[in-house]
Amino acid sequence: MKLFDIVTLIKDLPELKLYRGQVGTIVEQYDPQIFEVEFSDMKGRTYALETLKEEQLMVLRYQPCEEREKLSA
């Protein structure tokens, strides 16, 4: 995962009012596995900005990847 990747939550976080499937953008990386993620609505208005662990997220891909190495690029 890297800056500006589009990610989705893979675990519910009810204490943050965020749930599996919600989509956000990585806007900061603090450690190799810790990210600041901005969640915005369809009009671009931010409704949450949270520090999350890599294990709570999955990168969304909008094009086919032919090789595993391309996934980490």
PDB file of N, CA and C in Angstrom:
ATOM      1  N   MET A   1       0.844  -1.176   0.000  1.00  0.00           N
ATOM      2  CA  MET A   1       0.000   0.000   0.000  1.00  0.00           C
ATOM      3  C   MET A   1       0.888   1.237   0.000  1.00  0.00           C
ATOM      4  N   LYS A   2       0.365   2.273  -0.655  1.00  0.00           N
ATOM      5  CA  LYS A   2       1.159   3.492  -0.762  1.00  0.00           C
ATOM      6  C   LYS A   2       0.233   4.704  -0.814  1.00  0.00           C
ATOM      7  N   LEU A   3       0.829   5.868  -0.739  1.00  0.00           N
ATOM      8  CA  LEU A   3       0.112   7.126  -0.773  1.00  0.00           C
ATOM      9  C   LEU A   3      -0.806   7.197  -1.994  1.00  0.00           C
ATOM     10  N   PHE A   4      -2.028   7.629  -1.785  1.00  0.00           N
ATOM     11  CA  PHE A   4      -3.073   7.824  -2.792  1.00  0.00           C
ATOM     12  C   PHE A   4      -3.709   6.543  -3.316  1.00  0.00           C
ATOM     13  N   ASP A   5      -3.357   5.381  -2.760  1.00  0.00           N
ATOM     14  CA  ASP A   5      -4.077   4.156  -3.107  1.00  0.00           C
ATOM     15  C   ASP A   5      -5.525   4.283  -2.634  1.00  0.00           C
ATOM     16  N   ILE A   6      -6.437   3.742  -3.433  1.00  0.00           N
ATOM     17  CA  ILE A   6      -7.844   3.655  -3.047  1.00  0.00           C
ATOM     18  C   ILE A   6      -8.012   2.324  -2.319  1.00  0.00           C
ATOM     19  N   VAL A   7      -8.570   2.393  -1.119  1.00  0.00           N
ATOM     20  CA  VAL A   7      -8.681   1.198  -0.278  1.00  0.00           C
ATOM     21  C   VAL A   7     -10.114   1.029   0.210  1.00  0.00           C
ATOM     22  N   THR A   8     -10.404  -0.176   0.661  1.00  0.00           N
ATOM     23  CA  THR A   8     -11.690  -0.451   1.299  1.00  0.00           C
ATOM     24  C   THR A   8     -11.433  -1.124   2.641  1.00  0.00           C
ATOM     25  N   LEU A   9     -12.318  -0.871   3.572  1.00  0.00           N
ATOM     26  CA  LEU A   9     -12.223  -1.536   4.870  1.00  0.00           C
ATOM     27  C   LEU A   9     -12.612  -2.996   4.723  1.00  0.00           C
ATOM     28  N   ILE A  10     -11.881  -3.874   5.378  1.00  0.00           N
ATOM     29  CA  ILE A  10     -12.238  -5.291   5.360  1.00  0.00           C
ATOM     30  C   ILE A  10     -12.768  -5.758   6.713  1.00  0.00           C
ATOM     31  N   LYS A  11     -12.812  -4.843   7.677  1.00  0.00           N
ATOM     32  CA  LYS A  11     -13.348  -5.153   9.000  1.00  0.00           C
ATOM     33  C   LYS A  11     -14.240  -4.006   9.442  1.00  0.00           C
ATOM     34  N   ASP A  12     -15.318  -4.332  10.144  1.00  0.00           N
ATOM     35  CA  ASP A  12     -16.158  -3.297  10.733  1.00  0.00           C
ATOM     36  C   ASP A  12     -15.411  -2.605  11.868  1.00  0.00           C
ATOM     37  N   LEU A  13     -15.568  -1.287  11.941  1.00  0.00           N
ATOM     38  CA  LEU A  13     -14.999  -0.486  13.023  1.00  0.00           C
ATOM     39  C   LEU A  13     -16.129   0.356  13.617  1.00  0.00           C
ATOM     40  N   PRO A  14     -17.078  -0.283  14.314  1.00  0.00           N
ATOM     41  CA  PRO A  14     -18.252   0.444  14.802  1.00  0.00           C
ATOM     42  C   PRO A  14     -17.912   1.593  15.754  1.00  0.00           C
ATOM     43  N   GLU A  15     -16.807   1.477  16.466  1.00  0.00           N
ATOM     44  CA  GLU A  15     -16.411   2.553  17.375  1.00  0.00           C
ATOM     45  C   GLU A  15     -16.049   3.828  16.610  1.00  0.00           C
ATOM     46  N   LEU A  16     -15.715   3.683  15.319  1.00  0.00           N
ATOM     47  CA  LEU A  16     -15.404   4.824  14.456  1.00  0.00           C
ATOM     48  C   LEU A  16     -16.548   5.128  13.487  1.00  0.00           C
ATOM     49  N   LYS A  17     -17.631   4.347  13.585  1.00  0.00           N
ATOM     50  CA  LYS A  17     -18.778   4.450  12.674  1.00  0.00           C
ATOM     51  C   LYS A  17     -18.346   4.213  11.225  1.00  0.00           C
ATOM     52  N   LEU A  18     -17.419   3.269  11.039  1.00  0.00           N
ATOM     53  CA  LEU A  18     -16.950   2.843   9.726  1.00  0.00           C
ATOM     54  C   LEU A  18     -17.166   1.341   9.614  1.00  0.00           C
ATOM     55  N   TYR A  19     -17.551   0.906   8.397  1.00  0.00           N
ATOM     56  CA  TYR A  19     -17.934  -0.490   8.231  1.00  0.00           C
ATOM     57  C   TYR A  19     -17.315  -1.101   6.984  1.00  0.00           C
ATOM     58  N   ARG A  20     -17.173  -2.401   7.012  1.00  0.00           N
ATOM     59  CA  ARG A  20     -16.594  -3.159   5.905  1.00  0.00           C
ATOM     60  C   ARG A  20     -17.205  -2.715   4.575  1.00  0.00           C
ATOM     61  N   GLY A  21     -16.329  -2.474   3.608  1.00  0.00           N
ATOM     62  CA  GLY A  21     -16.781  -2.064   2.286  1.00  0.00           C
ATOM     63  C   GLY A  21     -16.708  -0.572   2.035  1.00  0.00           C
ATOM     64  N   GLN A  22     -16.576   0.231   3.082  1.00  0.00           N
ATOM     65  CA  GLN A  22     -16.449   1.672   2.856  1.00  0.00           C
ATOM     66  C   GLN A  22     -15.099   1.956   2.208  1.00  0.00           C
ATOM     67  N   VAL A  23     -15.113   2.904   1.281  1.00  0.00           N
ATOM     68  CA  VAL A  23     -13.950   3.189   0.442  1.00  0.00           C
ATOM     69  C   VAL A  23     -13.307   4.505   0.856  1.00  0.00           C
ATOM     70  N   GLY A  24     -11.968   4.500   0.897  1.00  0.00           N
ATOM     71  CA  GLY A  24     -11.216   5.707   1.235  1.00  0.00           C
ATOM     72  C   GLY A  24      -9.934   5.804   0.433  1.00  0.00           C
ATOM     73  N   THR A  25      -9.198   6.868   0.685  1.00  0.00           N
ATOM     74  CA  THR A  25      -7.923   7.123   0.010  1.00  0.00           C
ATOM     75  C   THR A  25      -6.828   7.275   1.050  1.00  0.00           C
ATOM     76  N   ILE A  26      -5.696   6.617   0.836  1.00  0.00           N
ATOM     77  CA  ILE A  26      -4.557   6.789   1.730  1.00  0.00           C
ATOM     78  C   ILE A  26      -3.974   8.175   1.484  1.00  0.00           C
ATOM     79  N   VAL A  27      -3.933   9.002   2.535  1.00  0.00           N
ATOM     80  CA  VAL A  27      -3.425  10.364   2.397  1.00  0.00           C
ATOM     81  C   VAL A  27      -2.123  10.595   3.170  1.00  0.00           C
ATOM     82  N   GLU A  28      -1.727   9.620   3.968  1.00  0.00           N
ATOM     83  CA  GLU A  28      -0.465   9.719   4.712  1.00  0.00           C
ATOM     84  C   GLU A  28      -0.040   8.323   5.128  1.00  0.00           C
ATOM     85  N   GLN A  29       1.275   8.102   5.168  1.00  0.00           N
ATOM     86  CA  GLN A  29       1.821   6.835   5.661  1.00  0.00           C
ATOM     87  C   GLN A  29       2.747   7.161   6.816  1.00  0.00           C
ATOM     88  N   TYR A  30       2.444   6.591   7.987  1.00  0.00           N
ATOM     89  CA  TYR A  30       3.235   6.870   9.193  1.00  0.00           C
ATOM     90  C   TYR A  30       4.323   5.838   9.422  1.00  0.00           C
ATOM     91  N   ASP A  31       4.009   4.601   9.165  1.00  0.00           N
ATOM     92  CA  ASP A  31       4.930   3.476   9.278  1.00  0.00           C
ATOM     93  C   ASP A  31       4.635   2.571   8.087  1.00  0.00           C
ATOM     94  N   PRO A  32       5.440   1.541   7.862  1.00  0.00           N
ATOM     95  CA  PRO A  32       5.170   0.656   6.722  1.00  0.00           C
ATOM     96  C   PRO A  32       3.760   0.059   6.720  1.00  0.00           C
ATOM     97  N   GLN A  33       3.146  -0.066   7.894  1.00  0.00           N
ATOM     98  CA  GLN A  33       1.824  -0.699   7.954  1.00  0.00           C
ATOM     99  C   GLN A  33       0.769   0.176   8.631  1.00  0.00           C
ATOM    100  N   ILE A  34       1.030   1.472   8.775  1.00  0.00           N
ATOM    101  CA  ILE A  34       0.085   2.400   9.407  1.00  0.00           C
ATOM    102  C   ILE A  34      -0.198   3.557   8.447  1.00  0.00           C
ATOM    103  N   PHE A  35      -1.496   3.800   8.190  1.00  0.00           N
ATOM    104  CA  PHE A  35      -1.894   4.787   7.185  1.00  0.00           C
ATOM    105  C   PHE A  35      -2.999   5.700   7.699  1.00  0.00           C
ATOM    106  N   GLU A  36      -2.982   6.935   7.240  1.00  0.00           N
ATOM    107  CA  GLU A  36      -4.098   7.855   7.441  1.00  0.00           C
ATOM    108  C   GLU A  36      -4.996   7.708   6.210  1.00  0.00           C
ATOM    109  N   VAL A  37      -6.254   7.409   6.442  1.00  0.00           N
ATOM    110  CA  VAL A  37      -7.188   7.173   5.344  1.00  0.00           C
ATOM    111  C   VAL A  37      -8.327   8.185   5.433  1.00  0.00           C
ATOM    112  N   GLU A  38      -8.583   8.838   4.304  1.00  0.00           N
ATOM    113  CA  GLU A  38      -9.678   9.796   4.214  1.00  0.00           C
ATOM    114  C   GLU A  38     -10.869   9.131   3.527  1.00  0.00           C
ATOM    115  N   PHE A  39     -12.022   9.205   4.164  1.00  0.00           N
ATOM    116  CA  PHE A  39     -13.267   8.675   3.621  1.00  0.00           C
ATOM    117  C   PHE A  39     -14.136   9.854   3.210  1.00  0.00           C
ATOM    118  N   SER A  40     -14.569   9.855   1.949  1.00  0.00           N
ATOM    119  CA  SER A  40     -15.366  10.965   1.409  1.00  0.00           C
ATOM    120  C   SER A  40     -16.631  10.431   0.761  1.00  0.00           C
ATOM    121  N   ASP A  41     -17.663  11.281   0.727  1.00  0.00           N
ATOM    122  CA  ASP A  41     -18.901  10.884   0.062  1.00  0.00           C
ATOM    123  C   ASP A  41     -18.790  11.128  -1.448  1.00  0.00           C
ATOM    124  N   MET A  42     -19.856  10.876  -2.180  1.00  0.00           N
ATOM    125  CA  MET A  42     -19.844  10.982  -3.639  1.00  0.00           C
ATOM    126  C   MET A  42     -19.644  12.419  -4.124  1.00  0.00           C
ATOM    127  N   LYS A  43     -19.824  13.388  -3.243  1.00  0.00           N
ATOM    128  CA  LYS A  43     -19.607  14.793  -3.601  1.00  0.00           C
ATOM    129  C   LYS A  43     -18.237  15.286  -3.169  1.00  0.00           C
ATOM    130  N   GLY A  44     -17.411  14.376  -2.645  1.00  0.00           N
ATOM    131  CA  GLY A  44     -16.056  14.730  -2.247  1.00  0.00           C
ATOM    132  C   GLY A  44     -15.933  15.320  -0.854  1.00  0.00           C
ATOM    133  N   ARG A  45     -17.005  15.271  -0.071  1.00  0.00           N
ATOM    134  CA  ARG A  45     -16.972  15.799   1.295  1.00  0.00           C
ATOM    135  C   ARG A  45     -16.443  14.722   2.245  1.00  0.00           C
ATOM    136  N   THR A  46     -15.407  15.064   2.989  1.00  0.00           N
ATOM    137  CA  THR A  46     -14.819  14.126   3.944  1.00  0.00           C
ATOM    138  C   THR A  46     -15.786  13.876   5.094  1.00  0.00           C
ATOM    139  N   TYR A  47     -16.020  12.595   5.398  1.00  0.00           N
ATOM    140  CA  TYR A  47     -16.852  12.256   6.547  1.00  0.00           C
ATOM    141  C   TYR A  47     -16.055  11.516   7.627  1.00  0.00           C
ATOM    142  N   ALA A  48     -14.831  11.104   7.307  1.00  0.00           N
ATOM    143  CA  ALA A  48     -13.973  10.468   8.315  1.00  0.00           C
ATOM    144  C   ALA A  48     -12.521  10.556   7.862  1.00  0.00           C
ATOM    145  N   LEU A  49     -11.640  10.723   8.812  1.00  0.00           N
ATOM    146  CA  LEU A  49     -10.198  10.722   8.581  1.00  0.00           C
ATOM    147  C   LEU A  49      -9.597   9.947   9.739  1.00  0.00           C
ATOM    148  N   GLU A  50      -9.124   8.742   9.452  1.00  0.00           N
ATOM    149  CA  GLU A  50      -8.697   7.836  10.526  1.00  0.00           C
ATOM    150  C   GLU A  50      -7.338   7.202  10.234  1.00  0.00           C
ATOM    151  N   THR A  51      -6.600   6.926  11.299  1.00  0.00           N
ATOM    152  CA  THR A  51      -5.345   6.192  11.214  1.00  0.00           C
ATOM    153  C   THR A  51      -5.668   4.709  11.353  1.00  0.00           C
ATOM    154  N   LEU A  52      -5.292   3.941  10.323  1.00  0.00           N
ATOM    155  CA  LEU A  52      -5.655   2.526  10.276  1.00  0.00           C
ATOM    156  C   LEU A  52      -4.443   1.661   9.956  1.00  0.00           C
ATOM    157  N   LYS A  53      -4.555   0.397  10.331  1.00  0.00           N
ATOM    158  CA  LYS A  53      -3.498  -0.578  10.053  1.00  0.00           C
ATOM    159  C   LYS A  53      -3.736  -1.245   8.703  1.00  0.00           C
ATOM    160  N   GLU A  54      -2.649  -1.665   8.072  1.00  0.00           N
ATOM    161  CA  GLU A  54      -2.732  -2.354   6.789  1.00  0.00           C
ATOM    162  C   GLU A  54      -3.682  -3.548   6.856  1.00  0.00           C
ATOM    163  N   GLU A  55      -3.694  -4.260   7.964  1.00  0.00           N
ATOM    164  CA  GLU A  55      -4.534  -5.457   8.110  1.00  0.00           C
ATOM    165  C   GLU A  55      -6.034  -5.139   8.094  1.00  0.00           C
ATOM    166  N   GLN A  56      -6.400  -3.866   8.219  1.00  0.00           N
ATOM    167  CA  GLN A  56      -7.798  -3.455   8.192  1.00  0.00           C
ATOM    168  C   GLN A  56      -8.267  -3.035   6.798  1.00  0.00           C
ATOM    169  N   LEU A  57      -7.327  -3.027   5.837  1.00  0.00           N
ATOM    170  CA  LEU A  57      -7.587  -2.453   4.524  1.00  0.00           C
ATOM    171  C   LEU A  57      -7.263  -3.409   3.390  1.00  0.00           C
ATOM    172  N   MET A  58      -7.867  -3.142   2.232  1.00  0.00           N
ATOM    173  CA  MET A  58      -7.533  -3.849   1.001  1.00  0.00           C
ATOM    174  C   MET A  58      -7.484  -2.808  -0.110  1.00  0.00           C
ATOM    175  N   VAL A  59      -6.437  -2.854  -0.931  1.00  0.00           N
ATOM    176  CA  VAL A  59      -6.307  -1.939  -2.060  1.00  0.00           C
ATOM    177  C   VAL A  59      -7.280  -2.363  -3.150  1.00  0.00           C
ATOM    178  N   LEU A  60      -7.981  -1.386  -3.717  1.00  0.00           N
ATOM    179  CA  LEU A  60      -8.872  -1.649  -4.845  1.00  0.00           C
ATOM    180  C   LEU A  60      -8.092  -1.457  -6.133  1.00  0.00           C
ATOM    181  N   ARG A  61      -8.335  -2.331  -7.089  1.00  0.00           N
ATOM    182  CA  ARG A  61      -7.615  -2.295  -8.370  1.00  0.00           C
ATOM    183  C   ARG A  61      -8.627  -2.122  -9.491  1.00  0.00           C
ATOM    184  N   TYR A  62      -8.332  -1.231 -10.411  1.00  0.00           N
ATOM    185  CA  TYR A  62      -9.251  -0.924 -11.496  1.00  0.00           C
ATOM    186  C   TYR A  62      -8.760  -1.401 -12.854  1.00  0.00           C
ATOM    187  N   GLN A  63      -7.705  -2.209 -12.843  1.00  0.00           N
ATOM    188  CA  GLN A  63      -7.201  -2.775 -14.091  1.00  0.00           C
ATOM    189  C   GLN A  63      -6.593  -4.135 -13.793  1.00  0.00           C
ATOM    190  N   PRO A  64      -6.521  -5.004 -14.793  1.00  0.00           N
ATOM    191  CA  PRO A  64      -5.960  -6.339 -14.557  1.00  0.00           C
ATOM    192  C   PRO A  64      -4.463  -6.272 -14.273  1.00  0.00           C
ATOM    193  N   CYS A  65      -4.008  -7.188 -13.450  1.00  0.00           N
ATOM    194  CA  CYS A  65      -2.582  -7.309 -13.150  1.00  0.00           C
ATOM    195  C   CYS A  65      -2.113  -8.643 -13.697  1.00  0.00           C
ATOM    196  N   GLU A  66      -1.097  -8.608 -14.556  1.00  0.00           N
ATOM    197  CA  GLU A  66      -0.603  -9.835 -15.165  1.00  0.00           C
ATOM    198  C   GLU A  66       0.366 -10.584 -14.265  1.00  0.00           C
ATOM    199  N   GLU A  67       1.046  -9.849 -13.392  1.00  0.00           N
ATOM    200  CA  GLU A  67       2.061 -10.471 -12.531  1.00  0.00           C
ATOM    201  C   GLU A  67       1.854 -10.016 -11.088  1.00  0.00           C
ATOM    202  N   ARG A  68       2.207 -10.864 -10.153  1.00  0.00           N
ATOM    203  CA  ARG A  68       2.092 -10.548  -8.733  1.00  0.00           C
ATOM    204  C   ARG A  68       2.912  -9.310  -8.381  1.00  0.00           C
ATOM    205  N   GLU A  69       4.080  -9.115  -8.995  1.00  0.00           N
ATOM    206  CA  GLU A  69       4.950  -7.984  -8.692  1.00  0.00           C
ATOM    207  C   GLU A  69       4.251  -6.660  -8.994  1.00  0.00           C
ATOM    208  N   LYS A  70       3.376  -6.627  -9.955  1.00  0.00           N
ATOM    209  CA  LYS A  70       2.675  -5.399 -10.313  1.00  0.00           C
ATOM    210  C   LYS A  70       1.718  -4.973  -9.226  1.00  0.00           C
ATOM    211  N   LEU A  71       1.265  -5.906  -8.389  1.00  0.00           N
ATOM    212  CA  LEU A  71       0.356  -5.582  -7.306  1.00  0.00           C
ATOM    213  C   LEU A  71       1.008  -4.700  -6.254  1.00  0.00           C
ATOM    214  N   SER A  72       2.304  -4.859  -6.057  1.00  0.00           N
ATOM    215  CA  SER A  72       2.980  -4.076  -5.031  1.00  0.00           C
ATOM    216  C   SER A  72       3.548  -2.774  -5.580  1.00  0.00           C
ATOM    217  N   ALA A  73       3.460  -2.576  -6.880  1.00  0.00           N
ATOM    218  CA  ALA A  73       3.978  -1.348  -7.500  1.00  0.00           C
ATOM    219  C   ALA A  73       3.098  -0.155  -7.242  1.00  0.00           C
TER     220      ALA A  73
END
